[in-house]
Amino acid sequence: MTTFGFVLGTYAGRMPARMSFGMSGTILAISVTAMLIMNRFFGVHTLNYYFILVSAIMACNILLVHRLPDTLGSIFMPLSGVSAELLLLQLHEVSADQST
């Protein structure tokens, strides 16, 4: 899933057309609300992957069209030098989990 997210993010970053902030926020809210309703009231958990996928894509789209406050950037700045290592560590943990 991490690799899929990386490839999708790379592709989406090169696309000239993006959804508006309002449209992405609306789809994100609908997706999260639908997932919570399906889980809580109907006990259906099989669609969680798709709700999370849509939510993640909309959250990324929001971040592409809307600038975050500089204070958030300064909080995450110490992690910028190790982002590749964190990705490799996560990929290693996922492959180790699948081999057992």
PDB file of N, CA and C in Angstrom:
ATOM      1  N   MET A   1       0.823  -1.183   0.000  1.00  0.00           N
ATOM      2  CA  MET A   1       0.000   0.000   0.000  1.00  0.00           C
ATOM      3  C   MET A   1       0.871   1.253   0.000  1.00  0.00           C
ATOM      4  N   THR A   2       1.995   1.201   0.698  1.00  0.00           N
ATOM      5  CA  THR A   2       2.896   2.349   0.719  1.00  0.00           C
ATOM      6  C   THR A   2       3.439   2.632  -0.675  1.00  0.00           C
ATOM      7  N   THR A   3       3.823   1.595  -1.381  1.00  0.00           N
ATOM      8  CA  THR A   3       4.343   1.771  -2.734  1.00  0.00           C
ATOM      9  C   THR A   3       3.265   2.319  -3.657  1.00  0.00           C
ATOM     10  N   PHE A   4       2.039   1.815  -3.519  1.00  0.00           N
ATOM     11  CA  PHE A   4       0.930   2.336  -4.313  1.00  0.00           C
ATOM     12  C   PHE A   4       0.733   3.823  -4.036  1.00  0.00           C
ATOM     13  N   GLY A   5       0.796   4.213  -2.773  1.00  0.00           N
ATOM     14  CA  GLY A   5       0.645   5.615  -2.410  1.00  0.00           C
ATOM     15  C   GLY A   5       1.745   6.479  -3.001  1.00  0.00           C
ATOM     16  N   PHE A   6       2.958   5.965  -3.010  1.00  0.00           N
ATOM     17  CA  PHE A   6       4.077   6.711  -3.579  1.00  0.00           C
ATOM     18  C   PHE A   6       3.885   6.913  -5.081  1.00  0.00           C
ATOM     19  N   VAL A   7       3.503   5.833  -5.779  1.00  0.00           N
ATOM     20  CA  VAL A   7       3.304   5.925  -7.231  1.00  0.00           C
ATOM     21  C   VAL A   7       2.134   6.850  -7.547  1.00  0.00           C
ATOM     22  N   LEU A   8       1.033   6.700  -6.820  1.00  0.00           N
ATOM     23  CA  LEU A   8      -0.122   7.571  -7.048  1.00  0.00           C
ATOM     24  C   LEU A   8       0.214   9.020  -6.748  1.00  0.00           C
ATOM     25  N   GLY A   9       0.956   9.263  -5.696  1.00  0.00           N
ATOM     26  CA  GLY A   9       1.350  10.625  -5.353  1.00  0.00           C
ATOM     27  C   GLY A   9       2.260  11.241  -6.394  1.00  0.00           C
ATOM     28  N   THR A  10       3.174  10.458  -6.926  1.00  0.00           N
ATOM     29  CA  THR A  10       4.055  10.949  -7.980  1.00  0.00           C
ATOM     30  C   THR A  10       3.260  11.289  -9.231  1.00  0.00           C
ATOM     31  N   TYR A  11       2.304  10.429  -9.569  1.00  0.00           N
ATOM     32  CA  TYR A  11       1.461  10.678 -10.735  1.00  0.00           C
ATOM     33  C   TYR A  11       0.574  11.914 -10.515  1.00  0.00           C
ATOM     34  N   ALA A  12      -0.052  11.992  -9.352  1.00  0.00           N
ATOM     35  CA  ALA A  12      -0.955  13.110  -9.070  1.00  0.00           C
ATOM     36  C   ALA A  12      -0.196  14.433  -8.992  1.00  0.00           C
ATOM     37  N   GLY A  13       1.042  14.389  -8.544  1.00  0.00           N
ATOM     38  CA  GLY A  13       1.831  15.612  -8.455  1.00  0.00           C
ATOM     39  C   GLY A  13       2.153  16.204  -9.819  1.00  0.00           C
ATOM     40  N   ARG A  14       2.114  15.392 -10.840  1.00  0.00           N
ATOM     41  CA  ARG A  14       2.404  15.866 -12.201  1.00  0.00           C
ATOM     42  C   ARG A  14       1.152  16.223 -12.990  1.00  0.00           C
ATOM     43  N   MET A  15      -0.018  15.930 -12.443  1.00  0.00           N
ATOM     44  CA  MET A  15      -1.259  16.251 -13.136  1.00  0.00           C
ATOM     45  C   MET A  15      -1.541  17.753 -13.034  1.00  0.00           C
ATOM     46  N   PRO A  16      -1.859  18.405 -14.162  1.00  0.00           N
ATOM     47  CA  PRO A  16      -2.104  19.845 -14.103  1.00  0.00           C
ATOM     48  C   PRO A  16      -3.447  20.207 -13.463  1.00  0.00           C
ATOM     49  N   ALA A  17      -4.460  19.372 -13.610  1.00  0.00           N
ATOM     50  CA  ALA A  17      -5.785  19.679 -13.065  1.00  0.00           C
ATOM     51  C   ALA A  17      -5.958  19.008 -11.707  1.00  0.00           C
ATOM     52  N   ARG A  18      -6.474  19.770 -10.756  1.00  0.00           N
ATOM     53  CA  ARG A  18      -6.721  19.239  -9.427  1.00  0.00           C
ATOM     54  C   ARG A  18      -8.147  19.613  -9.001  1.00  0.00           C
ATOM     55  N   MET A  19      -8.693  18.828  -8.092  1.00  0.00           N
ATOM     56  CA  MET A  19      -9.999  19.168  -7.529  1.00  0.00           C
ATOM     57  C   MET A  19      -9.851  20.365  -6.611  1.00  0.00           C
ATOM     58  N   SER A  20     -10.925  21.089  -6.446  1.00  0.00           N
ATOM     59  CA  SER A  20     -10.887  22.236  -5.545  1.00  0.00           C
ATOM     60  C   SER A  20     -10.810  21.763  -4.095  1.00  0.00           C
ATOM     61  N   PHE A  21     -10.433  22.675  -3.232  1.00  0.00           N
ATOM     62  CA  PHE A  21     -10.340  22.383  -1.804  1.00  0.00           C
ATOM     63  C   PHE A  21     -11.695  21.953  -1.258  1.00  0.00           C
ATOM     64  N   GLY A  22     -12.753  22.645  -1.660  1.00  0.00           N
ATOM     65  CA  GLY A  22     -14.096  22.327  -1.174  1.00  0.00           C
ATOM     66  C   GLY A  22     -14.574  20.956  -1.619  1.00  0.00           C
ATOM     67  N   MET A  23     -14.325  20.629  -2.883  1.00  0.00           N
ATOM     68  CA  MET A  23     -14.743  19.327  -3.410  1.00  0.00           C
ATOM     69  C   MET A  23     -13.981  18.197  -2.722  1.00  0.00           C
ATOM     70  N   SER A  24     -12.674  18.362  -2.559  1.00  0.00           N
ATOM     71  CA  SER A  24     -11.869  17.336  -1.884  1.00  0.00           C
ATOM     72  C   SER A  24     -12.296  17.178  -0.433  1.00  0.00           C
ATOM     73  N   GLY A  25     -12.556  18.292   0.232  1.00  0.00           N
ATOM     74  CA  GLY A  25     -13.001  18.234   1.626  1.00  0.00           C
ATOM     75  C   GLY A  25     -14.345  17.561   1.777  1.00  0.00           C
ATOM     76  N   THR A  26     -15.241  17.821   0.832  1.00  0.00           N
ATOM     77  CA  THR A  26     -16.561  17.196   0.864  1.00  0.00           C
ATOM     78  C   THR A  26     -16.462  15.687   0.661  1.00  0.00           C
ATOM     79  N   ILE A  27     -15.683  15.269  -0.325  1.00  0.00           N
ATOM     80  CA  ILE A  27     -15.514  13.829  -0.571  1.00  0.00           C
ATOM     81  C   ILE A  27     -14.829  13.164   0.617  1.00  0.00           C
ATOM     82  N   LEU A  28     -13.848  13.829   1.214  1.00  0.00           N
ATOM     83  CA  LEU A  28     -13.170  13.296   2.399  1.00  0.00           C
ATOM     84  C   LEU A  28     -14.167  13.111   3.541  1.00  0.00           C
ATOM     85  N   ALA A  29     -14.987  14.121   3.792  1.00  0.00           N
ATOM     86  CA  ALA A  29     -15.974  14.033   4.877  1.00  0.00           C
ATOM     87  C   ALA A  29     -16.995  12.931   4.615  1.00  0.00           C
ATOM     88  N   ILE A  30     -17.453  12.811   3.374  1.00  0.00           N
ATOM     89  CA  ILE A  30     -18.413  11.757   3.026  1.00  0.00           C
ATOM     90  C   ILE A  30     -17.794  10.383   3.207  1.00  0.00           C
ATOM     91  N   SER A  31     -16.548  10.223   2.778  1.00  0.00           N
ATOM     92  CA  SER A  31     -15.877   8.927   2.883  1.00  0.00           C
ATOM     93  C   SER A  31     -15.692   8.512   4.344  1.00  0.00           C
ATOM     94  N   VAL A  32     -15.232   9.425   5.171  1.00  0.00           N
ATOM     95  CA  VAL A  32     -15.012   9.111   6.589  1.00  0.00           C
ATOM     96  C   VAL A  32     -16.348   8.828   7.273  1.00  0.00           C
ATOM     97  N   THR A  33     -17.360   9.645   6.973  1.00  0.00           N
ATOM     98  CA  THR A  33     -18.676   9.440   7.576  1.00  0.00           C
ATOM     99  C   THR A  33     -19.276   8.103   7.143  1.00  0.00           C
ATOM    100  N   ALA A  34     -19.165   7.781   5.859  1.00  0.00           N
ATOM    101  CA  ALA A  34     -19.690   6.502   5.366  1.00  0.00           C
ATOM    102  C   ALA A  34     -18.984   5.330   6.037  1.00  0.00           C
ATOM    103  N   MET A  35     -17.670   5.429   6.211  1.00  0.00           N
ATOM    104  CA  MET A  35     -16.935   4.344   6.862  1.00  0.00           C
ATOM    105  C   MET A  35     -17.406   4.176   8.313  1.00  0.00           C
ATOM    106  N   LEU A  36     -17.556   5.283   9.017  1.00  0.00           N
ATOM    107  CA  LEU A  36     -17.995   5.194  10.411  1.00  0.00           C
ATOM    108  C   LEU A  36     -19.405   4.619  10.519  1.00  0.00           C
ATOM    109  N   ILE A  37     -20.303   5.032   9.627  1.00  0.00           N
ATOM    110  CA  ILE A  37     -21.671   4.512   9.645  1.00  0.00           C
ATOM    111  C   ILE A  37     -21.686   3.023   9.320  1.00  0.00           C
ATOM    112  N   MET A  38     -20.940   2.638   8.290  1.00  0.00           N
ATOM    113  CA  MET A  38     -20.904   1.214   7.906  1.00  0.00           C
ATOM    114  C   MET A  38     -20.338   0.352   9.040  1.00  0.00           C
ATOM    115  N   ASN A  39     -19.318   0.861   9.723  1.00  0.00           N
ATOM    116  CA  ASN A  39     -18.715   0.099  10.821  1.00  0.00           C
ATOM    117  C   ASN A  39     -19.611   0.061  12.049  1.00  0.00           C
ATOM    118  N   ARG A  40     -20.113   1.202  12.442  1.00  0.00           N
ATOM    119  CA  ARG A  40     -20.838   1.317  13.708  1.00  0.00           C
ATOM    120  C   ARG A  40     -22.247   0.721  13.648  1.00  0.00           C
ATOM    121  N   PHE A  41     -22.995   1.087  12.616  1.00  0.00           N
ATOM    122  CA  PHE A  41     -24.404   0.718  12.588  1.00  0.00           C
ATOM    123  C   PHE A  41     -24.698  -0.574  11.818  1.00  0.00           C
ATOM    124  N   PHE A  42     -23.883  -0.877  10.825  1.00  0.00           N
ATOM    125  CA  PHE A  42     -24.146  -2.062  10.014  1.00  0.00           C
ATOM    126  C   PHE A  42     -23.134  -3.187  10.253  1.00  0.00           C
ATOM    127  N   GLY A  43     -22.037  -2.886  10.936  1.00  0.00           N
ATOM    128  CA  GLY A  43     -21.031  -3.901  11.224  1.00  0.00           C
ATOM    129  C   GLY A  43     -20.274  -4.391  10.000  1.00  0.00           C
ATOM    130  N   VAL A  44     -20.263  -3.594   8.945  1.00  0.00           N
ATOM    131  CA  VAL A  44     -19.570  -3.973   7.707  1.00  0.00           C
ATOM    132  C   VAL A  44     -18.174  -3.362   7.732  1.00  0.00           C
ATOM    133  N   HIS A  45     -17.162  -4.214   7.787  1.00  0.00           N
ATOM    134  CA  HIS A  45     -15.778  -3.745   7.840  1.00  0.00           C
ATOM    135  C   HIS A  45     -15.010  -4.051   6.560  1.00  0.00           C
ATOM    136  N   THR A  46     -15.631  -4.742   5.640  1.00  0.00           N
ATOM    137  CA  THR A  46     -14.932  -5.163   4.427  1.00  0.00           C
ATOM    138  C   THR A  46     -14.633  -4.009   3.481  1.00  0.00           C
ATOM    139  N   LEU A  47     -15.332  -2.906   3.619  1.00  0.00           N
ATOM    140  CA  LEU A  47     -15.115  -1.759   2.731  1.00  0.00           C
ATOM    141  C   LEU A  47     -14.147  -0.732   3.304  1.00  0.00           C
ATOM    142  N   ASN A  48     -13.592  -0.989   4.481  1.00  0.00           N
ATOM    143  CA  ASN A  48     -12.704  -0.020   5.121  1.00  0.00           C
ATOM    144  C   ASN A  48     -11.515   0.358   4.247  1.00  0.00           C
ATOM    145  N   TYR A  49     -10.927  -0.623   3.571  1.00  0.00           N
ATOM    146  CA  TYR A  49      -9.756  -0.350   2.730  1.00  0.00           C
ATOM    147  C   TYR A  49     -10.092   0.711   1.683  1.00  0.00           C
ATOM    148  N   TYR A  50     -11.244   0.591   1.056  1.00  0.00           N
ATOM    149  CA  TYR A  50     -11.613   1.536  -0.001  1.00  0.00           C
ATOM    150  C   TYR A  50     -11.944   2.913   0.563  1.00  0.00           C
ATOM    151  N   PHE A  51     -12.606   2.943   1.720  1.00  0.00           N
ATOM    152  CA  PHE A  51     -12.877   4.240   2.354  1.00  0.00           C
ATOM    153  C   PHE A  51     -11.576   4.926   2.761  1.00  0.00           C
ATOM    154  N   ILE A  52     -10.646   4.171   3.304  1.00  0.00           N
ATOM    155  CA  ILE A  52      -9.356   4.743   3.703  1.00  0.00           C
ATOM    156  C   ILE A  52      -8.581   5.199   2.479  1.00  0.00           C
ATOM    157  N   LEU A  53      -8.634   4.435   1.393  1.00  0.00           N
ATOM    158  CA  LEU A  53      -7.957   4.814   0.153  1.00  0.00           C
ATOM    159  C   LEU A  53      -8.506   6.133  -0.386  1.00  0.00           C
ATOM    160  N   VAL A  54      -9.825   6.249  -0.471  1.00  0.00           N
ATOM    161  CA  VAL A  54     -10.436   7.496  -0.960  1.00  0.00           C
ATOM    162  C   VAL A  54     -10.096   8.648  -0.021  1.00  0.00           C
ATOM    163  N   SER A  55     -10.143   8.418   1.275  1.00  0.00           N
ATOM    164  CA  SER A  55      -9.828   9.461   2.250  1.00  0.00           C
ATOM    165  C   SER A  55      -8.381   9.920   2.117  1.00  0.00           C
ATOM    166  N   ALA A  56      -7.468   8.979   1.921  1.00  0.00           N
ATOM    167  CA  ALA A  56      -6.056   9.328   1.779  1.00  0.00           C
ATOM    168  C   ALA A  56      -5.811  10.127   0.504  1.00  0.00           C
ATOM    169  N   ILE A  57      -6.463   9.733  -0.595  1.00  0.00           N
ATOM    170  CA  ILE A  57      -6.290  10.462  -1.852  1.00  0.00           C
ATOM    171  C   ILE A  57      -6.831  11.877  -1.718  1.00  0.00           C
ATOM    172  N   MET A  58      -7.983  12.025  -1.079  1.00  0.00           N
ATOM    173  CA  MET A  58      -8.555  13.372  -0.911  1.00  0.00           C
ATOM    174  C   MET A  58      -7.711  14.216   0.040  1.00  0.00           C
ATOM    175  N   ALA A  59      -7.168  13.601   1.095  1.00  0.00           N
ATOM    176  CA  ALA A  59      -6.297  14.348   2.003  1.00  0.00           C
ATOM    177  C   ALA A  59      -5.045  14.823   1.271  1.00  0.00           C
ATOM    178  N   CYS A  60      -4.477  13.981   0.423  1.00  0.00           N
ATOM    179  CA  CYS A  60      -3.311  14.384  -0.367  1.00  0.00           C
ATOM    180  C   CYS A  60      -3.669  15.492  -1.342  1.00  0.00           C
ATOM    181  N   ASN A  61      -4.851  15.398  -1.947  1.00  0.00           N
ATOM    182  CA  ASN A  61      -5.277  16.443  -2.873  1.00  0.00           C
ATOM    183  C   ASN A  61      -5.463  17.774  -2.144  1.00  0.00           C
ATOM    184  N   ILE A  62      -6.001  17.721  -0.942  1.00  0.00           N
ATOM    185  CA  ILE A  62      -6.145  18.946  -0.144  1.00  0.00           C
ATOM    186  C   ILE A  62      -4.775  19.549   0.127  1.00  0.00           C
ATOM    187  N   LEU A  63      -3.812  18.705   0.463  1.00  0.00           N
ATOM    188  CA  LEU A  63      -2.466  19.211   0.733  1.00  0.00           C
ATOM    189  C   LEU A  63      -1.789  19.752  -0.526  1.00  0.00           C
ATOM    190  N   LEU A  64      -2.184  19.261  -1.699  1.00  0.00           N
ATOM    191  CA  LEU A  64      -1.610  19.779  -2.941  1.00  0.00           C
ATOM    192  C   LEU A  64      -2.158  21.151  -3.303  1.00  0.00           C
ATOM    193  N   VAL A  65      -3.405  21.439  -2.940  1.00  0.00           N
ATOM    194  CA  VAL A  65      -4.014  22.702  -3.350  1.00  0.00           C
ATOM    195  C   VAL A  65      -4.065  23.736  -2.235  1.00  0.00           C
ATOM    196  N   HIS A  66      -3.849  23.326  -1.003  1.00  0.00           N
ATOM    197  CA  HIS A  66      -3.953  24.247   0.125  1.00  0.00           C
ATOM    198  C   HIS A  66      -2.651  24.242   0.918  1.00  0.00           C
ATOM    199  N   ARG A  67      -2.071  25.378   1.101  1.00  0.00           N
ATOM    200  CA  ARG A  67      -0.798  25.479   1.818  1.00  0.00           C
ATOM    201  C   ARG A  67      -1.017  25.329   3.323  1.00  0.00           C
ATOM    202  N   LEU A  68      -0.186  24.513   3.941  1.00  0.00           N
ATOM    203  CA  LEU A  68      -0.226  24.350   5.391  1.00  0.00           C
ATOM    204  C   LEU A  68       0.424  25.548   6.068  1.00  0.00           C
ATOM    205  N   PRO A  69       0.023  25.848   7.286  1.00  0.00           N
ATOM    206  CA  PRO A  69       0.695  26.930   8.018  1.00  0.00           C
ATOM    207  C   PRO A  69       2.174  26.605   8.234  1.00  0.00           C
ATOM    208  N   ASP A  70       3.003  27.626   8.240  1.00  0.00           N
ATOM    209  CA  ASP A  70       4.443  27.417   8.406  1.00  0.00           C
ATOM    210  C   ASP A  70       4.799  26.782   9.748  1.00  0.00           C
ATOM    211  N   THR A  71       3.948  26.961  10.749  1.00  0.00           N
ATOM    212  CA  THR A  71       4.247  26.360  12.050  1.00  0.00           C
ATOM    213  C   THR A  71       4.226  24.839  11.968  1.00  0.00           C
ATOM    214  N   LEU A  72       3.342  24.269  11.154  1.00  0.00           N
ATOM    215  CA  LEU A  72       3.333  22.815  10.992  1.00  0.00           C
ATOM    216  C   LEU A  72       4.580  22.332  10.270  1.00  0.00           C
ATOM    217  N   GLY A  73       5.029  23.103   9.305  1.00  0.00           N
ATOM    218  CA  GLY A  73       6.247  22.734   8.592  1.00  0.00           C
ATOM    219  C   GLY A  73       7.455  22.681   9.510  1.00  0.00           C
ATOM    220  N   SER A  74       7.521  23.629  10.431  1.00  0.00           N
ATOM    221  CA  SER A  74       8.666  23.647  11.346  1.00  0.00           C
ATOM    222  C   SER A  74       8.624  22.481  12.328  1.00  0.00           C
ATOM    223  N   ILE A  75       7.444  21.986  12.630  1.00  0.00           N
ATOM    224  CA  ILE A  75       7.328  20.840  13.533  1.00  0.00           C
ATOM    225  C   ILE A  75       7.877  19.582  12.866  1.00  0.00           C
ATOM    226  N   PHE A  76       7.570  19.404  11.562  1.00  0.00           N
ATOM    227  CA  PHE A  76       7.984  18.198  10.852  1.00  0.00           C
ATOM    228  C   PHE A  76       9.339  18.325  10.164  1.00  0.00           C
ATOM    229  N   MET A  77       9.969  19.485  10.228  1.00  0.00           N
ATOM    230  CA  MET A  77      11.254  19.699   9.562  1.00  0.00           C
ATOM    231  C   MET A  77      12.334  18.723  10.034  1.00  0.00           C
ATOM    232  N   PRO A  78      12.427  18.367  11.315  1.00  0.00           N
ATOM    233  CA  PRO A  78      13.469  17.412  11.720  1.00  0.00           C
ATOM    234  C   PRO A  78      13.340  16.046  11.042  1.00  0.00           C
ATOM    235  N   LEU A  79      12.130  15.684  10.584  1.00  0.00           N
ATOM    236  CA  LEU A  79      11.942  14.393   9.929  1.00  0.00           C
ATOM    237  C   LEU A  79      12.282  14.424   8.450  1.00  0.00           C
ATOM    238  N   SER A  80      12.484  15.601   7.877  1.00  0.00           N
ATOM    239  CA  SER A  80      12.697  15.696   6.433  1.00  0.00           C
ATOM    240  C   SER A  80      13.978  14.998   5.983  1.00  0.00           C
ATOM    241  N   GLY A  81      14.981  14.953   6.825  1.00  0.00           N
ATOM    242  CA  GLY A  81      16.232  14.308   6.445  1.00  0.00           C
ATOM    243  C   GLY A  81      16.188  12.796   6.490  1.00  0.00           C
ATOM    244  N   VAL A  82      15.181  12.238   7.147  1.00  0.00           N
ATOM    245  CA  VAL A  82      15.117  10.790   7.293  1.00  0.00           C
ATOM    246  C   VAL A  82      13.868  10.194   6.653  1.00  0.00           C
ATOM    247  N   SER A  83      13.201  10.938   5.789  1.00  0.00           N
ATOM    248  CA  SER A  83      11.951  10.436   5.209  1.00  0.00           C
ATOM    249  C   SER A  83      12.185   9.187   4.361  1.00  0.00           C
ATOM    250  N   ALA A  84      13.262   9.141   3.598  1.00  0.00           N
ATOM    251  CA  ALA A  84      13.547   7.957   2.787  1.00  0.00           C
ATOM    252  C   ALA A  84      13.824   6.745   3.684  1.00  0.00           C
ATOM    253  N   GLU A  85      14.549   6.961   4.783  1.00  0.00           N
ATOM    254  CA  GLU A  85      14.839   5.863   5.697  1.00  0.00           C
ATOM    255  C   GLU A  85      13.572   5.351   6.365  1.00  0.00           C
ATOM    256  N   LEU A  86      12.657   6.268   6.718  1.00  0.00           N
ATOM    257  CA  LEU A  86      11.391   5.850   7.323  1.00  0.00           C
ATOM    258  C   LEU A  86      10.563   5.033   6.338  1.00  0.00           C
ATOM    259  N   LEU A  87      10.555   5.426   5.072  1.00  0.00           N
ATOM    260  CA  LEU A  87       9.828   4.676   4.056  1.00  0.00           C
ATOM    261  C   LEU A  87      10.424   3.280   3.901  1.00  0.00           C
ATOM    262  N   LEU A  88      11.757   3.193   3.831  1.00  0.00           N
ATOM    263  CA  LEU A  88      12.399   1.884   3.693  1.00  0.00           C
ATOM    264  C   LEU A  88      12.152   1.004   4.908  1.00  0.00           C
ATOM    265  N   LEU A  89      12.160   1.597   6.102  1.00  0.00           N
ATOM    266  CA  LEU A  89      11.891   0.834   7.320  1.00  0.00           C
ATOM    267  C   LEU A  89      10.466   0.303   7.304  1.00  0.00           C
ATOM    268  N   GLN A  90       9.516   1.121   6.881  1.00  0.00           N
ATOM    269  CA  GLN A  90       8.134   0.677   6.821  1.00  0.00           C
ATOM    270  C   GLN A  90       7.961  -0.432   5.790  1.00  0.00           C
ATOM    271  N   LEU A  91       8.596  -0.282   4.636  1.00  0.00           N
ATOM    272  CA  LEU A  91       8.508  -1.326   3.615  1.00  0.00           C
ATOM    273  C   LEU A  91       9.117  -2.632   4.118  1.00  0.00           C
ATOM    274  N   HIS A  92      10.224  -2.540   4.866  1.00  0.00           N
ATOM    275  CA  HIS A  92      10.858  -3.737   5.421  1.00  0.00           C
ATOM    276  C   HIS A  92       9.939  -4.416   6.423  1.00  0.00           C
ATOM    277  N   GLU A  93       9.271  -3.629   7.276  1.00  0.00           N
ATOM    278  CA  GLU A  93       8.370  -4.209   8.279  1.00  0.00           C
ATOM    279  C   GLU A  93       7.179  -4.875   7.609  1.00  0.00           C
ATOM    280  N   VAL A  94       6.659  -4.259   6.545  1.00  0.00           N
ATOM    281  CA  VAL A  94       5.520  -4.852   5.835  1.00  0.00           C
ATOM    282  C   VAL A  94       5.935  -6.153   5.182  1.00  0.00           C
ATOM    283  N   SER A  95       7.098  -6.201   4.550  1.00  0.00           N
ATOM    284  CA  SER A  95       7.524  -7.443   3.899  1.00  0.00           C
ATOM    285  C   SER A  95       7.834  -8.512   4.935  1.00  0.00           C
ATOM    286  N   ALA A  96       8.345  -8.138   6.094  1.00  0.00           N
ATOM    287  CA  ALA A  96       8.614  -9.112   7.149  1.00  0.00           C
ATOM    288  C   ALA A  96       7.304  -9.684   7.695  1.00  0.00           C
ATOM    289  N   ASP A  97       6.264  -8.844   7.804  1.00  0.00           N
ATOM    290  CA  ASP A  97       4.970  -9.319   8.281  1.00  0.00           C
ATOM    291  C   ASP A  97       4.338 -10.290   7.280  1.00  0.00           C
ATOM    292  N   GLN A  98       4.541 -10.061   6.008  1.00  0.00           N
ATOM    293  CA  GLN A  98       3.931 -10.907   5.004  1.00  0.00           C
ATOM    294  C   GLN A  98       4.644 -12.256   4.871  1.00  0.00           C
ATOM    295  N   SER A  99       5.911 -12.311   5.256  1.00  0.00           N
ATOM    296  CA  SER A  99       6.658 -13.557   5.118  1.00  0.00           C
ATOM    297  C   SER A  99       6.365 -14.538   6.246  1.00  0.00           C
ATOM    298  N   THR A 100       5.751 -14.064   7.340  1.00  0.00           N
ATOM    299  CA  THR A 100       5.452 -14.970   8.454  1.00  0.00           C
ATOM    300  C   THR A 100       4.101 -15.606   8.307  1.00  0.00           C
TER     301      THR A 100
END
